[in-house]
Amino acid sequence: MRIGILLNEPTGPDALNGLTDELRRAADEGFNSAWMTHIFGVDALTALAVAGSRVAGIDIGTGVVPSYPRHPGALAQQARTTALAVGPGRLTLGLGLSHKIVIENMFGYSFERPARHMREFLSVLLPLLEDKPVSFTGETVKANLALSVPNEGRVPVLLAAMGPAMLKLAGRVTDGTVLWMTGPATVRDHIAPAITAAAAEVGRPAPRVVCPLPVCVTDDVDAARARAAKLYAAYGSLPSYRAMMDREGAEGPADLAIIGSEDHVAERIRAIFDAGATEFVGAVFAGGEDAVRTRALLTGLAD
């Protein structure tokens, strides 16, 4: 099983050194990959370029960079520069739409017809990530350019896809999907079948399905559930995640958090792989001895 870990958002004036230390620890412990969110803190690709250039031996990815505030040519240039900094074959670009409340209310862009936006965005981004020139005119994106970043190989892309249109797009043109707040029943009955069928229709390889979830090995399950409910409460009101919780029959994010003994957590993670996931990424939300136990359990499952 491929097991990754979600890195903490670095803070403070020494943030990038702290991120480097955290990435080094993950590599030393034996995690297969480390993933970084991109919300309102440090720029994920820039931070991973710094930390990843200092730490070898672990794959890195973004989960996820929003498309709307960026031109796809600029994002391709940044991603390829990050890949150059960390070395070939290590970076996966996780890309997503973000949410209407963020894109319209905070950035001031229209969130109209998001599937069209992403389809056109990828029409420019993907060729540039493969070191190909692009000439494209769409309703939302235009580009006529080539990049000269001296990469070896291409940068793979995972699309944050949960709805039918996005899953079809992800399967047809990208390397797979990276999820959040999506449980095993939903992966089994909705995510994996839809994206795999879309890839097969166009002769693409079986897609990656990366499934991050909150996880905590603990003897105090009730306290951990309460902590998860508080930490992840906002995701219960965002429409895309709410739809996945409803599919799973979950009242809120705490119901999707994997909490309990080593045996219970391992069983829940194996169920995610049995459902069709190709990689599990643990968002370790505990501290102290519970964090130590959780990380040890996760690395013990890693191939």
Protein backbone atom coordinates (compact mmCIF):
# COMPACT_ATOMS: atom_id res chain seq x y z
CA MET A 1 0.00 0.00 0.00
CA ARG A 2 1.23 3.47 -0.85
CA ILE A 3 0.87 5.62 2.24
CA GLY A 4 1.44 9.36 2.34
CA ILE A 5 1.15 12.04 4.97
CA LEU A 6 -0.39 15.50 4.84
CA LEU A 7 2.17 18.09 5.89
CA ASN A 8 1.23 20.76 8.39
CA GLU A 9 0.91 24.31 7.07
CA PRO A 10 4.21 25.99 7.99
CA THR A 11 4.00 29.20 10.00
CA GLY A 12 6.33 31.80 11.45
CA PRO A 13 9.47 33.46 10.08
CA ASP A 14 11.31 30.12 9.98
CA ALA A 15 8.44 28.37 8.18
CA LEU A 16 10.39 26.87 5.30
CA ASN A 17 13.07 25.42 7.56
CA GLY A 18 10.29 23.92 9.66
CA LEU A 19 8.68 22.44 6.56
CA THR A 20 12.04 20.98 5.53
CA ASP A 21 12.40 19.32 8.93
CA GLU A 22 8.89 17.89 8.69
CA LEU A 23 9.50 16.56 5.18
CA ARG A 24 12.81 15.01 6.29
CA ARG A 25 11.07 13.31 9.19
CA ALA A 26 8.42 11.88 6.86
CA ALA A 27 11.10 10.55 4.52
CA ASP A 28 13.11 9.05 7.38
CA GLU A 29 10.02 7.36 8.81
CA GLY A 30 9.29 5.66 5.50
CA PHE A 31 6.25 7.46 4.12
CA ASN A 32 5.91 7.02 0.36
CA SER A 33 4.76 10.60 -0.19
CA ALA A 34 4.11 13.94 1.48
CA TRP A 35 1.35 16.32 0.41
CA MET A 36 0.80 20.00 1.06
CA THR A 37 -2.41 22.00 0.96
CA HIS A 38 -2.64 25.37 -0.74
CA ILE A 39 -5.08 27.62 1.09
CA PHE A 40 -4.05 31.06 2.38
CA GLY A 41 -0.65 30.32 3.87
CA VAL A 42 2.61 29.84 2.01
CA ASP A 43 2.47 29.01 -1.68
CA ALA A 44 2.54 25.22 -1.83
CA LEU A 45 4.68 24.81 -4.95
CA THR A 46 7.23 27.37 -3.83
CA ALA A 47 7.47 25.83 -0.37
CA LEU A 48 7.81 22.31 -1.78
CA ALA A 49 10.51 23.50 -4.16
CA VAL A 50 12.54 24.70 -1.17
CA ALA A 51 11.92 21.74 1.13
CA GLY A 52 12.01 19.11 -1.61
CA SER A 53 15.34 20.37 -2.93
CA ARG A 54 16.80 19.71 0.54
CA VAL A 55 15.19 16.32 1.21
CA ALA A 56 15.43 13.34 -1.13
CA GLY A 57 13.75 9.96 -0.99
CA ILE A 58 10.06 10.89 -0.82
CA ASP A 59 7.48 11.87 -3.44
CA ILE A 60 5.72 15.20 -2.98
CA GLY A 61 2.42 16.61 -4.13
CA THR A 62 -0.01 19.49 -3.82
CA GLY A 63 -3.48 18.84 -2.52
CA VAL A 64 -4.58 21.09 -4.19
CA VAL A 65 -3.60 24.26 -6.04
CA PRO A 66 -6.70 26.23 -7.16
CA SER A 67 -6.90 26.96 -10.87
CA TYR A 68 -8.92 30.18 -11.02
CA PRO A 69 -6.43 32.76 -9.71
CA ARG A 70 -3.71 31.52 -12.13
CA HIS A 71 -3.18 31.41 -15.87
CA PRO A 72 -2.44 27.80 -16.83
CA GLY A 73 0.78 28.86 -18.55
CA ALA A 74 2.03 30.52 -15.37
CA LEU A 75 1.07 27.48 -13.29
CA ALA A 76 2.82 25.14 -15.72
CA GLN A 77 5.96 27.25 -15.49
CA GLN A 78 5.86 27.24 -11.70
CA ALA A 79 5.17 23.49 -11.48
CA ARG A 80 7.97 22.64 -13.89
CA THR A 81 10.35 24.87 -11.95
CA THR A 82 9.39 23.07 -8.73
CA ALA A 83 9.92 19.72 -10.45
CA LEU A 84 13.33 20.90 -11.60
CA ALA A 85 14.22 21.90 -8.05
CA VAL A 86 13.24 18.58 -6.45
CA GLY A 87 14.38 16.24 -9.20
CA PRO A 88 12.61 14.17 -11.86
CA GLY A 89 9.73 11.91 -10.99
CA ARG A 90 8.96 13.30 -7.54
CA LEU A 91 6.32 16.03 -7.97
CA THR A 92 2.62 15.49 -8.56
CA LEU A 93 0.56 18.58 -9.25
CA GLY A 94 -2.80 18.27 -7.51
CA LEU A 95 -5.16 20.79 -9.09
CA GLY A 96 -8.69 21.82 -8.20
CA LEU A 97 -11.47 24.34 -8.66
CA SER A 98 -11.60 25.41 -5.00
CA HIS A 99 -15.09 26.60 -3.99
CA LYS A 100 -17.53 29.30 -5.07
CA ILE A 101 -17.25 31.13 -1.76
CA VAL A 102 -13.48 31.40 -2.22
CA ILE A 103 -13.32 32.16 -5.94
CA GLU A 104 -16.21 34.67 -6.11
CA ASN A 105 -16.33 36.20 -2.63
CA MET A 106 -12.58 36.33 -1.94
CA PHE A 107 -10.83 36.48 -5.31
CA GLY A 108 -13.61 38.17 -7.26
CA TYR A 109 -13.69 35.75 -10.20
CA SER A 110 -16.82 34.21 -11.67
CA PHE A 111 -17.42 30.58 -10.71
CA GLU A 112 -19.85 30.10 -13.58
CA ARG A 113 -19.63 26.74 -15.40
CA PRO A 114 -16.65 25.42 -13.46
CA ALA A 115 -16.36 22.21 -15.52
CA ARG A 116 -15.92 24.30 -18.70
CA HIS A 117 -13.30 26.41 -16.96
CA MET A 118 -11.31 23.35 -15.87
CA ARG A 119 -11.55 21.67 -19.27
CA GLU A 120 -10.13 24.77 -20.97
CA PHE A 121 -7.53 25.28 -18.23
CA LEU A 122 -6.24 21.74 -18.73
CA SER A 123 -6.16 22.21 -22.50
CA VAL A 124 -3.37 24.71 -21.94
CA LEU A 125 -1.74 23.32 -18.80
CA LEU A 126 -1.23 19.69 -19.81
CA PRO A 127 0.71 20.22 -23.06
CA LEU A 128 2.98 22.74 -21.34
CA LEU A 129 3.70 20.26 -18.53
CA GLU A 130 4.77 17.79 -21.23
CA ASP A 131 7.12 20.39 -22.78
CA LYS A 132 4.88 20.91 -25.80
CA PRO A 133 3.88 24.29 -27.27
CA VAL A 134 0.23 25.22 -27.04
CA SER A 135 -2.11 27.36 -29.10
CA PHE A 136 -5.61 27.48 -27.67
CA THR A 137 -8.56 29.86 -27.70
CA GLY A 138 -11.48 29.06 -25.44
CA GLU A 139 -14.26 30.98 -23.75
CA THR A 140 -12.31 31.40 -20.50
CA VAL A 141 -8.65 30.80 -21.43
CA LYS A 142 -6.41 31.82 -24.30
CA ALA A 143 -2.76 30.90 -24.81
CA ASN A 144 -0.16 30.83 -27.56
CA LEU A 145 3.14 29.96 -25.93
CA ALA A 146 5.87 27.46 -25.15
CA LEU A 147 8.08 27.06 -22.08
CA SER A 148 11.82 26.47 -21.92
CA VAL A 149 12.19 25.09 -18.37
CA PRO A 150 14.79 22.29 -18.72
CA ASN A 151 12.82 19.42 -17.19
CA GLU A 152 13.39 15.70 -17.51
CA GLY A 153 10.02 14.12 -18.16
CA ARG A 154 6.51 15.41 -17.56
CA VAL A 155 4.76 16.58 -14.40
CA PRO A 156 1.75 14.35 -13.63
CA VAL A 157 -1.54 16.00 -12.73
CA LEU A 158 -4.29 14.81 -10.40
CA LEU A 159 -7.60 16.63 -10.63
CA ALA A 160 -9.66 17.12 -7.47
CA ALA A 161 -12.76 15.47 -8.92
CA MET A 162 -15.84 14.27 -7.08
CA GLY A 163 -18.82 15.11 -9.31
CA PRO A 164 -19.62 13.15 -12.51
CA ALA A 165 -18.41 15.80 -14.98
CA MET A 166 -15.11 16.35 -13.21
CA LEU A 167 -14.51 12.62 -12.74
CA LYS A 168 -15.03 12.07 -16.45
CA LEU A 169 -12.63 14.89 -17.28
CA ALA A 170 -10.04 13.60 -14.80
CA GLY A 171 -10.17 10.10 -16.24
CA ARG A 172 -9.99 11.23 -19.85
CA VAL A 173 -7.07 13.68 -19.66
CA THR A 174 -5.23 13.54 -16.30
CA ASP A 175 -3.43 10.94 -14.22
CA GLY A 176 -6.26 10.56 -11.72
CA THR A 177 -7.85 12.30 -8.78
CA VAL A 178 -6.98 13.49 -5.29
CA LEU A 179 -9.93 13.51 -2.90
CA TRP A 180 -10.86 14.90 0.50
CA MET A 181 -13.69 14.03 2.87
CA THR A 182 -14.59 11.01 0.75
CA GLY A 183 -15.15 7.64 2.42
CA PRO A 184 -14.67 4.06 1.19
CA ALA A 185 -18.25 3.40 0.11
CA THR A 186 -18.20 6.52 -2.06
CA VAL A 187 -14.83 5.57 -3.52
CA ARG A 188 -16.12 2.07 -4.29
CA ASP A 189 -19.53 2.97 -5.70
CA HIS A 190 -18.91 6.38 -7.29
CA ILE A 191 -15.33 7.64 -7.60
CA ALA A 192 -13.38 4.60 -8.75
CA PRO A 193 -15.95 3.27 -11.27
CA ALA A 194 -16.54 6.66 -12.89
CA ILE A 195 -12.93 7.72 -13.29
CA THR A 196 -11.74 4.27 -14.33
CA ALA A 197 -14.44 3.98 -17.00
CA ALA A 198 -13.59 7.42 -18.36
CA ALA A 199 -9.91 6.52 -18.64
CA ALA A 200 -10.70 3.20 -20.32
CA GLU A 201 -12.93 4.89 -22.91
CA VAL A 202 -9.94 6.77 -24.31
CA GLY A 203 -7.32 4.07 -23.77
CA ARG A 204 -5.58 5.72 -20.84
CA PRO A 205 -3.96 3.71 -18.03
CA ALA A 206 -5.88 3.00 -14.85
CA PRO A 207 -6.02 6.31 -12.97
CA ARG A 208 -4.55 7.10 -9.57
CA VAL A 209 -7.08 7.62 -6.79
CA VAL A 210 -5.40 9.38 -3.87
CA CYS A 211 -7.58 9.42 -0.76
CA PRO A 212 -6.58 11.69 2.14
CA LEU A 213 -8.55 11.50 5.39
CA PRO A 214 -8.07 12.58 9.00
CA VAL A 215 -6.58 9.75 11.05
CA CYS A 216 -5.76 9.19 14.71
CA VAL A 217 -4.67 6.08 16.62
CA THR A 218 -5.87 6.59 20.17
CA ASP A 219 -7.48 4.99 23.21
CA ASP A 220 -9.72 8.03 23.73
CA VAL A 221 -11.99 7.80 20.71
CA ASP A 222 -14.60 10.24 21.99
CA ALA A 223 -12.07 13.02 22.57
CA ALA A 224 -10.53 12.46 19.16
CA ARG A 225 -13.93 12.58 17.46
CA ALA A 226 -14.72 15.84 19.21
CA ARG A 227 -11.41 17.29 18.09
CA ALA A 228 -12.00 16.17 14.49
CA ALA A 229 -15.49 17.67 14.52
CA LYS A 230 -14.09 21.02 15.59
CA LEU A 231 -11.02 21.06 13.33
CA TYR A 232 -12.83 20.05 10.14
CA ALA A 233 -16.26 21.62 10.75
CA ALA A 234 -15.99 24.02 7.79
CA TYR A 235 -15.84 21.17 5.27
CA GLY A 236 -19.30 20.02 6.27
CA SER A 237 -20.84 23.15 4.73
CA LEU A 238 -18.90 23.27 1.44
CA PRO A 239 -21.14 21.83 -1.31
CA SER A 240 -18.65 19.50 -2.99
CA TYR A 241 -17.61 17.86 0.29
CA ARG A 242 -21.14 17.88 1.65
CA ALA A 243 -22.20 15.86 -1.39
CA MET A 244 -19.55 13.24 -0.65
CA MET A 245 -20.60 13.03 3.01
CA ASP A 246 -24.21 12.57 1.97
CA ARG A 247 -23.21 9.74 -0.37
CA GLU A 248 -21.31 8.11 2.48
CA GLY A 249 -24.16 8.58 4.94
CA ALA A 250 -21.96 10.74 7.16
CA GLU A 251 -23.45 13.51 9.29
CA GLY A 252 -20.20 15.46 9.30
CA PRO A 253 -16.42 15.33 8.89
CA ALA A 254 -15.90 13.53 12.21
CA ASP A 255 -17.75 10.52 10.79
CA LEU A 256 -15.14 10.24 8.04
CA ALA A 257 -12.15 10.58 10.36
CA ILE A 258 -10.43 7.25 10.98
CA ILE A 259 -10.11 6.95 14.76
CA GLY A 260 -9.40 4.06 17.09
CA SER A 261 -6.90 1.35 17.91
CA GLU A 262 -4.08 0.26 15.61
CA ASP A 263 -6.09 -2.72 14.39
CA HIS A 264 -9.23 -0.65 13.79
CA VAL A 265 -7.39 2.10 11.89
CA ALA A 266 -5.47 -0.43 9.78
CA GLU A 267 -8.72 -2.20 8.90
CA ARG A 268 -10.36 1.08 7.87
CA ILE A 269 -7.39 2.03 5.68
CA ARG A 270 -7.32 -1.39 4.01
CA ALA A 271 -11.02 -0.92 3.23
CA ILE A 272 -10.17 2.28 1.36
CA PHE A 273 -7.70 0.40 -0.83
CA ASP A 274 -10.20 -2.43 -1.35
CA ALA A 275 -12.68 0.22 -2.52
CA GLY A 276 -10.34 1.31 -5.33
CA ALA A 277 -7.96 3.88 -3.87
CA THR A 278 -4.36 3.63 -5.02
CA GLU A 279 -2.87 5.73 -2.21
CA PHE A 280 -3.94 6.79 1.26
CA VAL A 281 -2.75 10.08 2.74
CA GLY A 282 -3.09 10.49 6.48
CA ALA A 283 -4.01 13.88 7.94
CA VAL A 284 -2.68 13.24 11.44
CA PHE A 285 -4.64 15.59 13.70
CA ALA A 286 -3.40 14.41 17.10
CA GLY A 287 -0.38 15.37 19.15
CA GLY A 288 1.77 13.62 21.72
CA GLU A 289 1.69 9.84 22.03
CA ASP A 290 -1.35 9.53 19.76
CA ALA A 291 0.58 11.20 16.94
CA VAL A 292 3.53 8.86 17.48
CA ARG A 293 1.24 5.82 17.38
CA THR A 294 -0.58 7.11 14.30
CA ARG A 295 2.56 7.77 12.30
CA ALA A 296 4.01 4.40 13.27
CA LEU A 297 0.86 2.61 12.17
CA LEU A 298 0.82 4.44 8.84
CA THR A 299 4.46 3.76 8.00
CA GLY A 300 4.00 0.16 9.06
CA LEU A 301 1.37 -0.19 6.33
CA ALA A 302 3.50 1.51 3.65
CA ASP A 303 5.08 -0.59 0.91
